[in-house]
Amino acid sequence: MFTTLKENIKKIRQLKGFSQEELACKLNVVRQTVSKWEQGLSVPDAEMLISISEVLETPVCTLLGESTTDKEDELKVISEKIVEINLQLSQRNKKRKKIIRWLIISLCLIIIAIFITLFLLNSFYLNWDYSNMENAVLGVFFHSFEWLFVRIAPIILVVSIIGLVLTRKKI
């Protein structure tokens, strides 16, 4: 008997002689989805689990790593496993959401820090002697960066703040 859903999908798929591409085609998903299931990066939902079981001609309980003889026990095992899988996905999604949130906060802080730096430096490159080629090239670079940053950063900052508001924890 196989132990985990990811191992079971891969092993049974291989026993049935399907490639990831063939299984994906029969399930109307992309090959990467099957690959993610087999790597344990994601899990199929209940409806897809039933479709996989039909395509692989294997009971859902076998895919989930359980062996039962009674139909009621099989349904109970399936529902318990689906609840467990959904809980794992929920925890993974919360962790991912937290990481994205901190990335957005970091982006906002970086944008604010660059704005403060630009304000304090007050376009320091404008007083350079542009007859020197190196100064001219650097001056154009700094001016271009500042020009683009001042126009694009506020939009990114507003979108980031909206993202923070939308991903905030609800109490």
C-alpha atoms as a PDB file:
ATOM      1  CA  MET A   1       0.000   0.000   0.000  1.00  0.00           C
ATOM      2  CA  PHE A   2       1.198   3.502  -0.799  1.00  0.00           C
ATOM      3  CA  THR A   3       1.590   6.123   1.865  1.00  0.00           C
ATOM      4  CA  THR A   4       0.724   9.611   0.648  1.00  0.00           C
ATOM      5  CA  LEU A   5      -1.507  11.136  -1.970  1.00  0.00           C
ATOM      6  CA  LYS A   6       1.404  12.571  -3.963  1.00  0.00           C
ATOM      7  CA  GLU A   7       3.203   9.211  -4.041  1.00  0.00           C
ATOM      8  CA  ASN A   8       0.004   7.342  -4.839  1.00  0.00           C
ATOM      9  CA  ILE A   9      -0.912   9.536  -7.795  1.00  0.00           C
ATOM     10  CA  LYS A  10       2.565   9.160  -9.260  1.00  0.00           C
ATOM     11  CA  LYS A  11       2.853   5.416  -8.628  1.00  0.00           C
ATOM     12  CA  ILE A  12      -0.629   4.538  -9.907  1.00  0.00           C
ATOM     13  CA  ARG A  13      -0.190   6.820 -12.932  1.00  0.00           C
ATOM     14  CA  GLN A  14       3.037   5.029 -13.773  1.00  0.00           C
ATOM     15  CA  LEU A  15       1.467   1.586 -13.169  1.00  0.00           C
ATOM     16  CA  LYS A  16      -1.329   2.500 -15.592  1.00  0.00           C
ATOM     17  CA  GLY A  17       1.291   3.604 -18.142  1.00  0.00           C
ATOM     18  CA  PHE A  18       0.281   7.272 -18.282  1.00  0.00           C
ATOM     19  CA  SER A  19       2.730  10.126 -18.602  1.00  0.00           C
ATOM     20  CA  GLN A  20       1.997  13.322 -16.680  1.00  0.00           C
ATOM     21  CA  GLU A  21       0.961  14.904 -19.980  1.00  0.00           C
ATOM     22  CA  GLU A  22      -1.498  12.074 -20.781  1.00  0.00           C
ATOM     23  CA  LEU A  23      -3.070  12.175 -17.321  1.00  0.00           C
ATOM     24  CA  ALA A  24      -3.312  15.964 -17.496  1.00  0.00           C
ATOM     25  CA  CYS A  25      -5.001  15.740 -20.900  1.00  0.00           C
ATOM     26  CA  LYS A  26      -7.582  13.235 -19.600  1.00  0.00           C
ATOM     27  CA  LEU A  27      -8.285  15.481 -16.596  1.00  0.00           C
ATOM     28  CA  ASN A  28      -8.396  18.708 -18.662  1.00  0.00           C
ATOM     29  CA  VAL A  29      -5.563  20.303 -16.672  1.00  0.00           C
ATOM     30  CA  VAL A  30      -2.039  21.302 -17.633  1.00  0.00           C
ATOM     31  CA  ARG A  31       0.892  18.948 -17.075  1.00  0.00           C
ATOM     32  CA  GLN A  32       2.344  21.300 -14.458  1.00  0.00           C
ATOM     33  CA  THR A  33      -0.742  20.723 -12.306  1.00  0.00           C
ATOM     34  CA  VAL A  34      -0.125  16.963 -12.259  1.00  0.00           C
ATOM     35  CA  SER A  35       3.539  17.636 -11.534  1.00  0.00           C
ATOM     36  CA  LYS A  36       2.593  19.860  -8.571  1.00  0.00           C
ATOM     37  CA  TRP A  37       0.320  17.125  -7.181  1.00  0.00           C
ATOM     38  CA  GLU A  38       3.108  14.577  -7.470  1.00  0.00           C
ATOM     39  CA  GLN A  39       5.605  16.903  -5.800  1.00  0.00           C
ATOM     40  CA  GLY A  40       3.174  17.729  -2.995  1.00  0.00           C
ATOM     41  CA  LEU A  41       3.150  21.435  -3.903  1.00  0.00           C
ATOM     42  CA  SER A  42      -0.630  21.365  -4.276  1.00  0.00           C
ATOM     43  CA  VAL A  43      -3.447  18.875  -3.909  1.00  0.00           C
ATOM     44  CA  PRO A  44      -6.475  18.221  -6.066  1.00  0.00           C
ATOM     45  CA  ASP A  45      -9.839  19.300  -4.693  1.00  0.00           C
ATOM     46  CA  ALA A  46     -12.517  16.698  -3.929  1.00  0.00           C
ATOM     47  CA  GLU A  47     -14.092  16.888  -7.373  1.00  0.00           C
ATOM     48  CA  MET A  48     -10.722  16.497  -9.098  1.00  0.00           C
ATOM     49  CA  LEU A  49      -9.811  13.639  -6.757  1.00  0.00           C
ATOM     50  CA  ILE A  50     -12.869  11.772  -7.982  1.00  0.00           C
ATOM     51  CA  SER A  51     -11.912  12.506 -11.604  1.00  0.00           C
ATOM     52  CA  ILE A  52      -8.372  11.216 -10.992  1.00  0.00           C
ATOM     53  CA  SER A  53      -9.786   8.083  -9.411  1.00  0.00           C
ATOM     54  CA  GLU A  54     -12.022   7.493 -12.447  1.00  0.00           C
ATOM     55  CA  VAL A  55      -9.220   8.070 -14.990  1.00  0.00           C
ATOM     56  CA  LEU A  56      -6.784   5.848 -13.070  1.00  0.00           C
ATOM     57  CA  GLU A  57      -9.569   3.333 -12.352  1.00  0.00           C
ATOM     58  CA  THR A  58      -8.600   3.331  -8.696  1.00  0.00           C
ATOM     59  CA  PRO A  59     -10.782   3.950  -5.628  1.00  0.00           C
ATOM     60  CA  VAL A  60     -10.340   7.361  -4.021  1.00  0.00           C
ATOM     61  CA  CYS A  61      -9.463   5.701  -0.726  1.00  0.00           C
ATOM     62  CA  THR A  62      -6.517   3.955  -2.429  1.00  0.00           C
ATOM     63  CA  LEU A  63      -5.322   7.305  -3.791  1.00  0.00           C
ATOM     64  CA  LEU A  64      -5.547   8.701  -0.284  1.00  0.00           C
ATOM     65  CA  GLY A  65      -3.543   5.776   1.112  1.00  0.00           C
ATOM     66  CA  GLU A  66      -6.355   4.049   2.976  1.00  0.00           C
ATOM     67  CA  SER A  67      -7.837   0.613   2.485  1.00  0.00           C
ATOM     68  CA  THR A  68     -11.420  -0.071   3.470  1.00  0.00           C
ATOM     69  CA  THR A  69     -13.894  -2.731   2.584  1.00  0.00           C
ATOM     70  CA  ASP A  70     -17.111  -0.999   3.575  1.00  0.00           C
ATOM     71  CA  LYS A  71     -18.602   1.795   1.455  1.00  0.00           C
ATOM     72  CA  GLU A  72     -19.529   3.846   4.537  1.00  0.00           C
ATOM     73  CA  ASP A  73     -16.015   3.521   5.908  1.00  0.00           C
ATOM     74  CA  GLU A  74     -14.641   4.505   2.523  1.00  0.00           C
ATOM     75  CA  LEU A  75     -16.761   7.671   2.442  1.00  0.00           C
ATOM     76  CA  LYS A  76     -15.767   8.501   6.008  1.00  0.00           C
ATOM     77  CA  VAL A  77     -12.062   8.032   5.222  1.00  0.00           C
ATOM     78  CA  ILE A  78     -12.367  10.108   2.057  1.00  0.00           C
ATOM     79  CA  SER A  79     -14.103  12.966   3.858  1.00  0.00           C
ATOM     80  CA  GLU A  80     -11.533  12.901   6.686  1.00  0.00           C
ATOM     81  CA  LYS A  81      -8.645  12.949   4.222  1.00  0.00           C
ATOM     82  CA  ILE A  82     -10.203  15.784   2.237  1.00  0.00           C
ATOM     83  CA  VAL A  83     -10.659  17.799   5.440  1.00  0.00           C
ATOM     84  CA  GLU A  84      -7.016  17.114   6.343  1.00  0.00           C
ATOM     85  CA  ILE A  85      -5.803  18.104   2.866  1.00  0.00           C
ATOM     86  CA  ASN A  86      -7.913  21.279   2.906  1.00  0.00           C
ATOM     87  CA  LEU A  87      -6.471  22.176   6.324  1.00  0.00           C
ATOM     88  CA  GLN A  88      -2.931  21.747   4.978  1.00  0.00           C
ATOM     89  CA  LEU A  89      -3.764  23.903   1.953  1.00  0.00           C
ATOM     90  CA  SER A  90      -5.316  26.536   4.179  1.00  0.00           C
ATOM     91  CA  GLN A  91      -2.167  26.687   6.310  1.00  0.00           C
ATOM     92  CA  ARG A  92       0.019  26.907   3.212  1.00  0.00           C
ATOM     93  CA  ASN A  93      -2.160  29.708   1.797  1.00  0.00           C
ATOM     94  CA  LYS A  94      -1.988  31.639   5.082  1.00  0.00           C
ATOM     95  CA  LYS A  95       1.798  31.340   5.086  1.00  0.00           C
ATOM     96  CA  ARG A  96       2.006  32.467   1.455  1.00  0.00           C
ATOM     97  CA  LYS A  97      -0.327  35.389   2.166  1.00  0.00           C
ATOM     98  CA  LYS A  98       1.838  36.431   5.121  1.00  0.00           C
ATOM     99  CA  ILE A  99       4.994  36.350   2.968  1.00  0.00           C
ATOM    100  CA  ILE A 100       3.320  38.431   0.247  1.00  0.00           C
ATOM    101  CA  ARG A 101       2.135  40.898   2.853  1.00  0.00           C
ATOM    102  CA  TRP A 102       5.657  41.379   4.223  1.00  0.00           C
ATOM    103  CA  LEU A 103       7.029  41.758   0.700  1.00  0.00           C
ATOM    104  CA  ILE A 104       4.480  44.499   0.036  1.00  0.00           C
ATOM    105  CA  ILE A 105       5.371  46.231   3.312  1.00  0.00           C
ATOM    106  CA  SER A 106       9.066  46.029   2.387  1.00  0.00           C
ATOM    107  CA  LEU A 107       8.357  47.469  -1.057  1.00  0.00           C
ATOM    108  CA  CYS A 108       6.474  50.402   0.508  1.00  0.00           C
ATOM    109  CA  LEU A 109       9.329  51.074   2.940  1.00  0.00           C
ATOM    110  CA  ILE A 110      11.922  50.951   0.155  1.00  0.00           C
ATOM    111  CA  ILE A 111       9.907  53.381  -1.975  1.00  0.00           C
ATOM    112  CA  ILE A 112       9.517  55.770   0.953  1.00  0.00           C
ATOM    113  CA  ALA A 113      13.251  55.518   1.763  1.00  0.00           C
ATOM    114  CA  ILE A 114      14.196  56.303  -1.841  1.00  0.00           C
ATOM    115  CA  PHE A 115      11.799  59.289  -1.891  1.00  0.00           C
ATOM    116  CA  ILE A 116      13.336  60.632   1.326  1.00  0.00           C
ATOM    117  CA  THR A 117      16.845  60.141  -0.078  1.00  0.00           C
ATOM    118  CA  LEU A 118      15.957  61.921  -3.326  1.00  0.00           C
ATOM    119  CA  PHE A 119      14.344  64.760  -1.371  1.00  0.00           C
ATOM    120  CA  LEU A 120      17.359  65.178   0.922  1.00  0.00           C
ATOM    121  CA  LEU A 121      19.863  65.033  -1.953  1.00  0.00           C
ATOM    122  CA  ASN A 122      17.788  67.553  -3.898  1.00  0.00           C
ATOM    123  CA  SER A 123      19.013  66.352  -7.325  1.00  0.00           C
ATOM    124  CA  PHE A 124      22.672  66.648  -6.385  1.00  0.00           C
ATOM    125  CA  TYR A 125      23.789  65.804  -9.916  1.00  0.00           C
ATOM    126  CA  LEU A 126      22.382  69.045 -11.391  1.00  0.00           C
ATOM    127  CA  ASN A 127      25.398  71.026 -10.076  1.00  0.00           C
ATOM    128  CA  TRP A 128      27.955  68.754 -11.755  1.00  0.00           C
ATOM    129  CA  ASP A 129      30.329  69.879 -14.479  1.00  0.00           C
ATOM    130  CA  TYR A 130      28.849  68.179 -17.545  1.00  0.00           C
ATOM    131  CA  SER A 131      31.880  68.944 -19.696  1.00  0.00           C
ATOM    132  CA  ASN A 132      33.426  65.836 -18.137  1.00  0.00           C
ATOM    133  CA  MET A 133      31.984  62.819 -20.043  1.00  0.00           C
ATOM    134  CA  GLU A 134      31.811  60.563 -16.979  1.00  0.00           C
ATOM    135  CA  ASN A 135      29.831  63.162 -15.067  1.00  0.00           C
ATOM    136  CA  ALA A 136      27.570  63.696 -18.066  1.00  0.00           C
ATOM    137  CA  VAL A 137      26.769  59.977 -18.363  1.00  0.00           C
ATOM    138  CA  LEU A 138      26.223  59.561 -14.622  1.00  0.00           C
ATOM    139  CA  GLY A 139      24.151  62.739 -14.508  1.00  0.00           C
ATOM    140  CA  VAL A 140      21.886  61.501 -17.298  1.00  0.00           C
ATOM    141  CA  PHE A 141      21.569  58.128 -15.537  1.00  0.00           C
ATOM    142  CA  PHE A 142      20.649  59.714 -12.176  1.00  0.00           C
ATOM    143  CA  HIS A 143      18.260  62.146 -13.819  1.00  0.00           C
ATOM    144  CA  SER A 144      16.552  59.326 -15.764  1.00  0.00           C
ATOM    145  CA  PHE A 145      16.243  57.192 -12.636  1.00  0.00           C
ATOM    146  CA  GLU A 146      14.816  60.082 -10.620  1.00  0.00           C
ATOM    147  CA  TRP A 147      12.449  61.091 -13.410  1.00  0.00           C
ATOM    148  CA  LEU A 148      11.078  57.539 -13.802  1.00  0.00           C
ATOM    149  CA  PHE A 149      10.992  56.838 -10.086  1.00  0.00           C
ATOM    150  CA  VAL A 150       9.103  60.025  -9.216  1.00  0.00           C
ATOM    151  CA  ARG A 151       6.448  59.177 -11.817  1.00  0.00           C
ATOM    152  CA  ILE A 152       6.110  55.413 -11.315  1.00  0.00           C
ATOM    153  CA  ALA A 153       6.786  54.914  -7.591  1.00  0.00           C
ATOM    154  CA  PRO A 154       3.640  56.724  -6.360  1.00  0.00           C
ATOM    155  CA  ILE A 155       1.499  54.401  -8.478  1.00  0.00           C
ATOM    156  CA  ILE A 156       3.334  51.351  -7.122  1.00  0.00           C
ATOM    157  CA  LEU A 157       3.022  52.720  -3.582  1.00  0.00           C
ATOM    158  CA  VAL A 158      -0.738  53.271  -3.910  1.00  0.00           C
ATOM    159  CA  VAL A 159      -1.251  49.805  -5.424  1.00  0.00           C
ATOM    160  CA  SER A 160       0.874  48.290  -2.627  1.00  0.00           C
ATOM    161  CA  ILE A 161      -1.148  50.045   0.053  1.00  0.00           C
ATOM    162  CA  ILE A 162      -4.363  48.824  -1.583  1.00  0.00           C
ATOM    163  CA  GLY A 163      -2.851  45.320  -1.572  1.00  0.00           C
ATOM    164  CA  LEU A 164      -2.084  45.647   2.134  1.00  0.00           C
ATOM    165  CA  VAL A 165      -5.633  46.753   2.865  1.00  0.00           C
ATOM    166  CA  LEU A 166      -7.068  43.851   0.854  1.00  0.00           C
ATOM    167  CA  THR A 167      -4.822  41.274   2.546  1.00  0.00           C
ATOM    168  CA  ARG A 168      -5.257  42.583   6.086  1.00  0.00           C
ATOM    169  CA  LYS A 169      -6.365  40.194   8.778  1.00  0.00           C
ATOM    170  CA  LYS A 170     -10.050  40.348   9.551  1.00  0.00           C
ATOM    171  CA  ILE A 171     -10.852  40.385  13.233  1.00  0.00           C
END
